Protein backbone atom coordinates (compact mmCIF):
# COMPACT_ATOMS: atom_id res chain seq x y z
CA MET A 1 0.00 0.00 0.00
CA LYS A 2 1.05 3.54 -0.57
CA TYR A 3 1.13 6.39 1.85
CA TYR A 4 -0.70 9.43 0.63
CA SER A 5 0.10 12.84 1.93
CA LEU A 6 -2.54 15.43 2.62
CA GLY A 7 -0.57 18.45 3.62
CA ASN A 8 1.31 17.61 6.81
CA CYS A 9 -0.57 14.39 7.66
CA ALA A 10 -0.08 10.93 6.20
CA PHE A 11 -2.26 7.85 6.58
CA ASN A 12 -2.00 4.18 5.83
CA THR A 13 -4.83 2.48 3.92
CA LYS A 14 -3.95 -1.08 5.07
CA PRO A 15 -6.02 -1.05 8.29
CA MET A 16 -9.02 0.33 6.43
CA TRP A 17 -9.06 -2.52 3.88
CA ARG A 18 -8.20 -5.17 6.48
CA ASN A 19 -11.07 -4.07 8.72
CA LEU A 20 -13.45 -3.88 5.79
CA PHE A 21 -12.81 -7.39 4.50
CA THR A 22 -11.96 -9.47 7.58
CA LYS A 23 -14.45 -12.05 8.76
CA ARG A 24 -15.96 -11.13 12.10
CA LEU A 25 -16.76 -13.89 14.55
CA VAL A 26 -20.25 -14.15 15.94
CA PRO A 27 -20.26 -13.29 19.67
CA LEU A 28 -20.40 -16.17 22.11
CA THR A 29 -23.67 -16.97 23.85
CA GLY A 30 -24.70 -19.30 26.64
CA ALA A 31 -21.81 -18.61 28.98
CA PRO A 32 -22.58 -18.76 32.68
CA SER A 33 -22.72 -15.39 34.44
CA VAL A 34 -19.92 -16.51 36.75
CA ARG A 35 -17.16 -18.57 35.16
CA ARG A 36 -16.07 -21.57 37.19
CA LEU A 37 -12.57 -22.97 36.90
CA LYS A 38 -12.83 -26.72 36.46
CA THR A 39 -10.10 -29.35 36.59
CA TYR A 40 -9.72 -32.59 34.65
CA SER A 41 -7.05 -35.23 35.33
CA ALA A 42 -6.32 -36.79 31.96
CA GLN A 43 -5.23 -40.37 31.39
CA SER A 44 -2.03 -38.94 29.94
CA GLY A 45 -1.07 -37.75 33.43
CA TYR A 46 -1.61 -34.05 32.75
CA VAL A 47 -4.04 -32.07 34.87
CA TYR A 48 -5.95 -29.56 32.76
CA GLN A 49 -7.89 -26.55 33.96
CA TYR A 50 -10.62 -25.10 31.79
CA PHE A 51 -13.46 -22.58 31.62
CA TYR A 52 -16.51 -22.75 29.41
CA GLU A 53 -16.63 -19.49 27.45
CA GLY A 54 -19.78 -20.01 25.38
CA GLN A 55 -21.00 -21.18 22.00
CA ARG A 56 -21.71 -19.77 18.56
CA PRO A 57 -22.98 -21.04 15.23
CA TRP A 58 -20.28 -22.63 13.08
CA GLN A 59 -20.12 -23.01 9.32
CA ASP A 60 -17.38 -24.28 7.04
CA GLY A 61 -18.40 -24.54 3.44
CA LYS A 62 -21.55 -26.67 3.32
CA GLU A 63 -21.15 -28.02 6.87
CA HIS A 64 -22.73 -26.26 9.80
CA GLY A 65 -23.19 -26.85 13.50
CA THR A 66 -22.15 -25.35 16.83
CA GLU A 67 -18.74 -24.25 18.07
CA PHE A 68 -18.26 -24.60 21.83
CA VAL A 69 -15.35 -22.48 23.11
CA PHE A 70 -13.30 -23.33 26.19
CA THR A 71 -10.29 -21.63 27.74
CA VAL A 72 -7.74 -24.34 28.55
CA SER A 73 -4.51 -24.54 30.55
CA ALA A 74 -2.18 -27.51 30.94
CA ASP A 75 0.41 -25.78 33.12
CA ARG A 76 -1.63 -23.28 35.16
CA LYS A 77 0.46 -20.47 33.67
CA THR A 78 -0.61 -20.11 30.06
CA THR A 79 -4.13 -20.32 28.71
CA HIS A 80 -5.58 -20.43 25.22
CA GLU A 81 -8.96 -20.87 23.59
CA LEU A 82 -9.93 -24.29 22.31
CA SER A 83 -12.93 -24.86 20.06
CA VAL A 84 -14.97 -28.05 20.05
CA ILE A 85 -16.90 -28.27 16.79
CA VAL A 86 -20.11 -30.30 16.86
CA SER A 87 -21.41 -30.42 13.31
CA ALA A 88 -25.06 -31.08 12.60
CA SER A 89 -24.09 -33.93 10.26
CA ALA A 90 -22.33 -35.72 13.14
CA LEU A 91 -25.58 -35.78 15.14
CA VAL A 92 -27.99 -36.74 12.32
CA ASP A 93 -27.49 -40.53 12.49
CA TRP A 94 -28.01 -40.69 16.26
CA GLU A 95 -31.08 -38.44 16.09
CA LYS A 96 -32.64 -40.54 13.31
CA GLU A 97 -31.89 -43.81 15.12
CA HIS A 98 -33.44 -42.56 18.39
CA ASP A 99 -36.21 -40.58 16.66
CA ARG A 100 -35.58 -37.37 18.62
CA VAL A 101 -33.51 -34.20 18.46
CA LEU A 102 -30.78 -33.60 21.03
CA THR A 103 -31.41 -30.71 23.40
CA ALA A 104 -28.94 -27.85 23.81
CA ASN A 105 -27.75 -29.35 27.11
CA GLU A 106 -27.13 -32.71 25.47
CA ARG A 107 -25.15 -31.07 22.66
CA TYR A 108 -23.06 -29.28 25.30
CA ALA A 109 -22.50 -32.63 27.03
CA VAL A 110 -21.27 -34.11 23.74
CA SER A 111 -18.82 -31.23 23.34
CA LYS A 112 -17.55 -31.53 26.91
CA MET A 113 -17.01 -35.29 26.64
CA ALA A 114 -15.19 -34.75 23.32
CA LEU A 115 -13.01 -32.19 25.13
CA PHE A 116 -12.20 -34.80 27.80
CA GLN A 117 -11.31 -37.33 25.08
CA ALA A 118 -8.94 -34.78 23.56
CA PHE A 119 -7.37 -34.21 26.99
CA ASP A 120 -6.83 -37.97 27.28
CA ASP A 121 -5.52 -38.55 23.73
CA ARG A 122 -3.52 -35.44 22.86
CA ALA A 123 -0.29 -33.95 24.12
CA PRO A 124 -0.63 -30.43 25.57
CA GLU A 125 1.13 -28.97 22.52
CA ARG A 126 -1.73 -30.19 20.31
CA MET A 127 -4.45 -28.72 22.52
CA LYS A 128 -4.49 -25.54 20.42
CA GLU A 129 -6.03 -27.43 17.49
CA ALA A 130 -9.83 -27.49 17.29
CA VAL A 131 -11.58 -30.69 18.33
CA HIS A 132 -14.02 -31.98 15.71
CA VAL A 133 -16.75 -34.38 16.85
CA HIS A 134 -17.34 -37.10 14.25
CA ALA A 135 -20.50 -39.15 13.77
CA ALA A 136 -18.68 -42.29 14.98
CA ASP A 137 -17.87 -40.55 18.27
CA VAL A 138 -21.39 -39.32 19.03
CA GLY A 139 -22.88 -42.77 19.67
CA GLY A 140 -20.14 -43.76 22.10
CA ILE A 141 -20.28 -40.45 23.94
CA LEU A 142 -24.06 -40.53 24.34
CA ASP A 143 -24.04 -44.20 25.36
CA GLY A 144 -21.50 -43.34 28.05
CA LEU A 145 -23.88 -40.63 29.27
CA GLY A 146 -26.80 -43.08 29.35
CA LEU A 147 -28.78 -41.44 26.56
């Protein structure tokens, strides 16, 4: 980009174009009014701390669903956001088989159990990557919850 001079002042057009064309995230909803720090002891031996930040609609191409956002720490010093993506297509088979639609609380439970599975299976360095819930996982998660 070029700098244009108007008398004694100069301005940069980069921020204007960046702000105009960047994708804005939908604000999070559903977060509790008071965040509670929770702890999970993973099978890997790490003890994770996490907060639930909220959820927002998610879309990637033709797929859509819900993104559940958590703030996660493996060392009690550094935190980062971690998204758990529950796509609508992952839930369709279970909902058809059981002839009912999952409630919002049940979808949250699926995301939280998928988060716990990621804690158990992944190294802390990989906890910055989004967790995607697959159709094969949904049945096992919901069976474990007694649904």
